[in-house]
Structure formats: C-alpha cells, structure tokens
C-alpha cells in the first residue's frame, strides 16, 4: 500500500518509450480519459489533460480524489487519448504518484507546459499566480501529479477512407 512521500521509483514497471507517433499525437491532442479500477471490479473514467515533460507522461490530480485512492490500491490505469476525429491512442500504464515537494515542483512544470507559459505567472482556475503563490495554491489544494509508465500502446491516427476489412487491422498497433 502506498504511503505519502514513499512512491519508490525503483519499483516502476519496465517503461516503454513512447513512439514518435504517440508523442506527436499526445502533444497535438492532450485530452484523455483516465480509466482506473474500482475495488469491486468496475472501471471508472475521468476526463484529464495530459502532457509530456522530459519524456514522461503526466497529469494533475489531488490527494483526495477517488481515482487517487483507486491508484493507491492498484496502480494500473488506461489512458484513452483522443482527437476530434476518429484518431486515438490507448495507453496501458501503471501510475506513480508524485507528491510532497516533488509533486509541487512537478505541478509547476506541468501547468507551465499546459498553459504554454515557460516563465511568468501561472493561471490556475481563472486566477494568475506568481510561482511562489502558485506553489502555495498547489499545496493548499492537495495537488499531486500522476506519472504514467506506459507498458503498451495502440491506436489509430488517421481516418479510414475505404470500407474496413480484416486486412485493415494492420493499422492498429498492439
């Protein structure tokens, strides 16, 4: 069981490097459904924003969210990253929770990337904060970062232009 501040990076599953196609798709389409497992078996989905920083795939959360509790019990999660058309990426992952000072630092980096502001004030729910005030807001809000360790990727990133056949399955990667 997870204890705050004790997420051991040495116990992460062997990571898969995101392909150039996955990276480009995620950079262009940062909206995803984060799917976790409830204790009694059903899957639960939440809409999230994802971003790639330093080769790692991150999303923001809070310590008191139901999905955080589910991840503490079982770190498996599927991310379904989608575009407005028919393209998508399905990423099977395990999640490491970045909390404490590392989580606050990660939130600064993540929100700067999401908001497109490498320096200066950071916007959070309609309010602009200088970095120190933003850090305080992250702590007060119980903010953490979910780091997704990708185990497997599949998806489609183009629209089908012909009637599908079983041979068309070659466009799906697993």
C-alpha atoms as a PDB file:
ATOM      1  CA  UNK A   1       0.000   0.000   0.000  1.00  0.00           C
ATOM      2  CA  UNK A   2       1.170   3.493  -0.834  1.00  0.00           C
ATOM      3  CA  UNK A   3       2.172   5.983   1.837  1.00  0.00           C
ATOM      4  CA  UNK A   4       2.559   9.692   1.012  1.00  0.00           C
ATOM      5  CA  UNK A   5       6.126  10.606   0.076  1.00  0.00           C
ATOM      6  CA  UNK A   6       7.143   6.968  -0.369  1.00  0.00           C
ATOM      7  CA  UNK A   7       6.479   6.218  -4.040  1.00  0.00           C
ATOM      8  CA  UNK A   8       9.569   4.157  -4.901  1.00  0.00           C
ATOM      9  CA  UNK A   9      10.748   4.866  -8.422  1.00  0.00           C
ATOM     10  CA  UNK A  10      12.864   1.698  -8.327  1.00  0.00           C
ATOM     11  CA  UNK A  11       9.669  -0.384  -8.269  1.00  0.00           C
ATOM     12  CA  UNK A  12       8.283   1.033 -11.515  1.00  0.00           C
ATOM     13  CA  UNK A  13       7.455  -1.429 -14.234  1.00  0.00           C
ATOM     14  CA  UNK A  14       9.823  -1.524 -17.184  1.00  0.00           C
ATOM     15  CA  UNK A  15       8.865   1.555 -19.151  1.00  0.00           C
ATOM     16  CA  UNK A  16       8.135   1.602 -22.817  1.00  0.00           C
ATOM     17  CA  UNK A  17       9.427   4.641 -24.627  1.00  0.00           C
ATOM     18  CA  UNK A  18       6.589   6.462 -26.354  1.00  0.00           C
ATOM     19  CA  UNK A  19       6.938   6.203 -30.111  1.00  0.00           C
ATOM     20  CA  UNK A  20       7.363   9.335 -32.194  1.00  0.00           C
ATOM     21  CA  UNK A  21       3.775   8.804 -33.405  1.00  0.00           C
ATOM     22  CA  UNK A  22       2.433   8.514 -29.839  1.00  0.00           C
ATOM     23  CA  UNK A  23       4.363  11.600 -28.725  1.00  0.00           C
ATOM     24  CA  UNK A  24       3.179  13.693 -31.685  1.00  0.00           C
ATOM     25  CA  UNK A  25      -0.429  12.546 -31.183  1.00  0.00           C
ATOM     26  CA  UNK A  26      -0.406  13.359 -27.448  1.00  0.00           C
ATOM     27  CA  UNK A  27       1.263  16.747 -27.986  1.00  0.00           C
ATOM     28  CA  UNK A  28      -1.460  17.651 -30.503  1.00  0.00           C
ATOM     29  CA  UNK A  29      -4.336  16.085 -28.509  1.00  0.00           C
ATOM     30  CA  UNK A  30      -3.833  16.500 -24.745  1.00  0.00           C
ATOM     31  CA  UNK A  31      -7.384  15.489 -23.742  1.00  0.00           C
ATOM     32  CA  UNK A  32      -7.777  11.972 -22.390  1.00  0.00           C
ATOM     33  CA  UNK A  33      -9.970   9.667 -20.373  1.00  0.00           C
ATOM     34  CA  UNK A  34      -8.082   8.203 -17.410  1.00  0.00           C
ATOM     35  CA  UNK A  35      -9.515   4.802 -16.543  1.00  0.00           C
ATOM     36  CA  UNK A  36      -8.894   3.164 -13.168  1.00  0.00           C
ATOM     37  CA  UNK A  37     -10.248   0.070 -11.421  1.00  0.00           C
ATOM     38  CA  UNK A  38     -12.691   0.191  -8.523  1.00  0.00           C
ATOM     39  CA  UNK A  39     -12.122  -2.256  -5.680  1.00  0.00           C
ATOM     40  CA  UNK A  40     -15.248  -4.241  -6.639  1.00  0.00           C
ATOM     41  CA  UNK A  41     -14.193  -4.562 -10.292  1.00  0.00           C
ATOM     42  CA  UNK A  42     -15.865  -1.892 -12.455  1.00  0.00           C
ATOM     43  CA  UNK A  43     -13.743   0.570 -14.380  1.00  0.00           C
ATOM     44  CA  UNK A  44     -14.100   4.279 -13.649  1.00  0.00           C
ATOM     45  CA  UNK A  45     -13.250   7.052 -16.117  1.00  0.00           C
ATOM     46  CA  UNK A  46     -12.318  10.685 -15.595  1.00  0.00           C
ATOM     47  CA  UNK A  47     -11.531  13.337 -18.178  1.00  0.00           C
ATOM     48  CA  UNK A  48      -7.966  14.671 -17.803  1.00  0.00           C
ATOM     49  CA  UNK A  49      -5.361  16.771 -19.578  1.00  0.00           C
ATOM     50  CA  UNK A  50      -2.025  15.038 -20.231  1.00  0.00           C
ATOM     51  CA  UNK A  51       1.365  16.444 -21.168  1.00  0.00           C
ATOM     52  CA  UNK A  52       4.813  15.066 -21.896  1.00  0.00           C
ATOM     53  CA  UNK A  53       7.654  16.609 -19.888  1.00  0.00           C
ATOM     54  CA  UNK A  54      11.195  15.309 -20.071  1.00  0.00           C
ATOM     55  CA  UNK A  55       9.965  12.193 -21.847  1.00  0.00           C
ATOM     56  CA  UNK A  56       7.476  11.417 -19.046  1.00  0.00           C
ATOM     57  CA  UNK A  57       3.692  11.471 -19.411  1.00  0.00           C
ATOM     58  CA  UNK A  58       1.947  13.433 -16.633  1.00  0.00           C
ATOM     59  CA  UNK A  59      -1.487  14.581 -15.495  1.00  0.00           C
ATOM     60  CA  UNK A  60      -2.598  16.560 -12.441  1.00  0.00           C
ATOM     61  CA  UNK A  61      -4.764  15.304  -9.603  1.00  0.00           C
ATOM     62  CA  UNK A  62      -5.394  15.775  -5.896  1.00  0.00           C
ATOM     63  CA  UNK A  63      -4.756  13.597  -2.864  1.00  0.00           C
ATOM     64  CA  UNK A  64      -8.469  13.338  -2.076  1.00  0.00           C
ATOM     65  CA  UNK A  65      -9.775  12.235  -5.489  1.00  0.00           C
ATOM     66  CA  UNK A  66     -11.395   8.822  -5.826  1.00  0.00           C
ATOM     67  CA  UNK A  67      -9.024   7.926  -8.656  1.00  0.00           C
ATOM     68  CA  UNK A  68      -6.050   8.641  -6.385  1.00  0.00           C
ATOM     69  CA  UNK A  69      -7.460   6.213  -3.801  1.00  0.00           C
ATOM     70  CA  UNK A  70      -8.023   3.618  -6.532  1.00  0.00           C
ATOM     71  CA  UNK A  71      -4.444   4.054  -7.800  1.00  0.00           C
ATOM     72  CA  UNK A  72      -3.057   3.636  -4.289  1.00  0.00           C
ATOM     73  CA  UNK A  73      -4.775   0.247  -4.177  1.00  0.00           C
ATOM     74  CA  UNK A  74      -3.990  -0.735  -7.789  1.00  0.00           C
ATOM     75  CA  UNK A  75      -1.632   1.442  -9.882  1.00  0.00           C
ATOM     76  CA  UNK A  76      -2.912   0.187 -13.248  1.00  0.00           C
ATOM     77  CA  UNK A  77      -4.610   2.732 -15.500  1.00  0.00           C
ATOM     78  CA  UNK A  78      -5.528   3.031 -19.149  1.00  0.00           C
ATOM     79  CA  UNK A  79      -5.328   6.414 -20.842  1.00  0.00           C
ATOM     80  CA  UNK A  80      -7.592   6.895 -23.839  1.00  0.00           C
ATOM     81  CA  UNK A  81      -6.201   9.938 -25.659  1.00  0.00           C
ATOM     82  CA  UNK A  82      -8.493  11.164 -28.409  1.00  0.00           C
ATOM     83  CA  UNK A  83      -8.835  13.760 -31.134  1.00  0.00           C
ATOM     84  CA  UNK A  84     -11.940  15.420 -32.532  1.00  0.00           C
ATOM     85  CA  UNK A  85     -11.946  12.995 -35.473  1.00  0.00           C
ATOM     86  CA  UNK A  86     -11.571   9.238 -35.239  1.00  0.00           C
ATOM     87  CA  UNK A  87      -7.937   9.052 -34.133  1.00  0.00           C
ATOM     88  CA  UNK A  88      -6.972   7.834 -30.684  1.00  0.00           C
ATOM     89  CA  UNK A  89      -4.228   6.300 -28.598  1.00  0.00           C
ATOM     90  CA  UNK A  90      -4.923   3.710 -25.910  1.00  0.00           C
ATOM     91  CA  UNK A  91      -2.061   3.537 -23.408  1.00  0.00           C
ATOM     92  CA  UNK A  92      -1.905   0.760 -20.835  1.00  0.00           C
ATOM     93  CA  UNK A  93       0.049   2.128 -17.888  1.00  0.00           C
ATOM     94  CA  UNK A  94       0.993   1.907 -14.272  1.00  0.00           C
ATOM     95  CA  UNK A  95       0.919   5.159 -12.352  1.00  0.00           C
ATOM     96  CA  UNK A  96       3.462   6.618  -9.972  1.00  0.00           C
ATOM     97  CA  UNK A  97       2.141   9.405  -7.761  1.00  0.00           C
ATOM     98  CA  UNK A  98       4.403  12.437  -7.366  1.00  0.00           C
ATOM     99  CA  UNK A  99       3.543  14.145  -4.093  1.00  0.00           C
ATOM    100  CA  UNK A 100       5.201  16.301  -1.423  1.00  0.00           C
ATOM    101  CA  UNK A 101       7.842  18.790  -2.642  1.00  0.00           C
ATOM    102  CA  UNK A 102       8.458  16.691  -5.794  1.00  0.00           C
ATOM    103  CA  UNK A 103       4.732  16.856  -6.582  1.00  0.00           C
ATOM    104  CA  UNK A 104       4.647  20.624  -6.103  1.00  0.00           C
ATOM    105  CA  UNK A 105       7.679  21.043  -8.392  1.00  0.00           C
ATOM    106  CA  UNK A 106       6.046  18.719 -10.946  1.00  0.00           C
ATOM    107  CA  UNK A 107       2.807  20.755 -10.839  1.00  0.00           C
ATOM    108  CA  UNK A 108       4.752  23.946 -11.614  1.00  0.00           C
ATOM    109  CA  UNK A 109       6.357  22.274 -14.646  1.00  0.00           C
ATOM    110  CA  UNK A 110       3.095  20.629 -15.744  1.00  0.00           C
ATOM    111  CA  UNK A 111       0.938  23.768 -15.534  1.00  0.00           C
ATOM    112  CA  UNK A 112       3.627  25.846 -17.277  1.00  0.00           C
ATOM    113  CA  UNK A 113       3.554  23.324 -20.143  1.00  0.00           C
ATOM    114  CA  UNK A 114      -0.252  23.047 -20.265  1.00  0.00           C
ATOM    115  CA  UNK A 115      -0.698  26.835 -20.171  1.00  0.00           C
ATOM    116  CA  UNK A 116       2.188  27.480 -22.608  1.00  0.00           C
ATOM    117  CA  UNK A 117       3.972  29.773 -20.148  1.00  0.00           C
ATOM    118  CA  UNK A 118       7.611  28.785 -19.590  1.00  0.00           C
ATOM    119  CA  UNK A 119       8.064  31.828 -17.325  1.00  0.00           C
ATOM    120  CA  UNK A 120       5.976  34.426 -15.547  1.00  0.00           C
ATOM    121  CA  UNK A 121       2.586  33.993 -13.889  1.00  0.00           C
ATOM    122  CA  UNK A 122       0.765  30.646 -13.986  1.00  0.00           C
ATOM    123  CA  UNK A 123      -3.011  30.512 -14.497  1.00  0.00           C
ATOM    124  CA  UNK A 124      -4.989  28.123 -12.289  1.00  0.00           C
ATOM    125  CA  UNK A 125      -8.804  28.071 -12.429  1.00  0.00           C
ATOM    126  CA  UNK A 126      -9.036  31.624 -13.754  1.00  0.00           C
ATOM    127  CA  UNK A 127      -6.531  33.204 -11.359  1.00  0.00           C
ATOM    128  CA  UNK A 128      -2.973  34.170 -12.256  1.00  0.00           C
ATOM    129  CA  UNK A 129      -0.321  33.418  -9.650  1.00  0.00           C
ATOM    130  CA  UNK A 130       3.365  34.207  -9.403  1.00  0.00           C
ATOM    131  CA  UNK A 131       5.310  30.992  -8.962  1.00  0.00           C
ATOM    132  CA  UNK A 132       5.569  31.146  -5.162  1.00  0.00           C
ATOM    133  CA  UNK A 133       1.837  31.828  -4.789  1.00  0.00           C
ATOM    134  CA  UNK A 134       1.116  29.038  -7.300  1.00  0.00           C
ATOM    135  CA  UNK A 135       3.185  26.603  -5.202  1.00  0.00           C
ATOM    136  CA  UNK A 136       1.169  27.626  -2.129  1.00  0.00           C
ATOM    137  CA  UNK A 137      -2.087  27.121  -4.064  1.00  0.00           C
ATOM    138  CA  UNK A 138      -0.945  23.621  -5.133  1.00  0.00           C
ATOM    139  CA  UNK A 139      -0.175  22.686  -1.529  1.00  0.00           C
ATOM    140  CA  UNK A 140      -3.469  24.146  -0.218  1.00  0.00           C
ATOM    141  CA  UNK A 141      -5.427  22.291  -2.934  1.00  0.00           C
ATOM    142  CA  UNK A 142      -3.664  18.962  -2.207  1.00  0.00           C
ATOM    143  CA  UNK A 143      -2.285  18.778  -5.749  1.00  0.00           C
ATOM    144  CA  UNK A 144      -0.235  15.804  -6.918  1.00  0.00           C
ATOM    145  CA  UNK A 145       0.933  14.608 -10.340  1.00  0.00           C
ATOM    146  CA  UNK A 146       0.180  11.226 -11.882  1.00  0.00           C
ATOM    147  CA  UNK A 147       3.168   9.922 -13.844  1.00  0.00           C
ATOM    148  CA  UNK A 148       2.156   7.271 -16.369  1.00  0.00           C
ATOM    149  CA  UNK A 149       4.604   4.466 -17.020  1.00  0.00           C
ATOM    150  CA  UNK A 150       3.491   3.228 -20.436  1.00  0.00           C
ATOM    151  CA  UNK A 151       3.502  -0.553 -20.826  1.00  0.00           C
ATOM    152  CA  UNK A 152       1.658  -0.872 -24.151  1.00  0.00           C
ATOM    153  CA  UNK A 153       0.273   1.458 -26.800  1.00  0.00           C
ATOM    154  CA  UNK A 154      -2.256   1.013 -29.571  1.00  0.00           C
ATOM    155  CA  UNK A 155      -4.385   3.296 -31.684  1.00  0.00           C
ATOM    156  CA  UNK A 156      -5.360   4.851 -34.969  1.00  0.00           C
ATOM    157  CA  UNK A 157      -4.234   8.277 -36.100  1.00  0.00           C
ATOM    158  CA  UNK A 158      -5.888   8.571 -39.474  1.00  0.00           C
ATOM    159  CA  UNK A 159      -9.404   8.415 -40.828  1.00  0.00           C
ATOM    160  CA  UNK A 160     -10.378   5.269 -42.696  1.00  0.00           C
ATOM    161  CA  UNK A 161     -11.089   6.105 -46.328  1.00  0.00           C
ATOM    162  CA  UNK A 162     -12.118   2.641 -47.508  1.00  0.00           C
ATOM    163  CA  UNK A 163     -14.566   0.078 -46.186  1.00  0.00           C
ATOM    164  CA  UNK A 164     -12.678  -1.816 -43.488  1.00  0.00           C
ATOM    165  CA  UNK A 165     -11.603  -5.416 -43.969  1.00  0.00           C
ATOM    166  CA  UNK A 166      -9.788  -7.750 -41.634  1.00  0.00           C
ATOM    167  CA  UNK A 167      -6.597  -6.828 -43.513  1.00  0.00           C
ATOM    168  CA  UNK A 168      -7.140  -3.209 -42.397  1.00  0.00           C
ATOM    169  CA  UNK A 169      -6.258  -4.310 -38.872  1.00  0.00           C
ATOM    170  CA  UNK A 170      -2.609  -3.726 -39.764  1.00  0.00           C
ATOM    171  CA  UNK A 171      -3.231  -0.032 -38.943  1.00  0.00           C
ATOM    172  CA  UNK A 172      -3.759  -0.967 -35.285  1.00  0.00           C
ATOM    173  CA  UNK A 173      -0.665  -1.421 -33.148  1.00  0.00           C
ATOM    174  CA  UNK A 174      -0.657  -3.532 -30.024  1.00  0.00           C
END
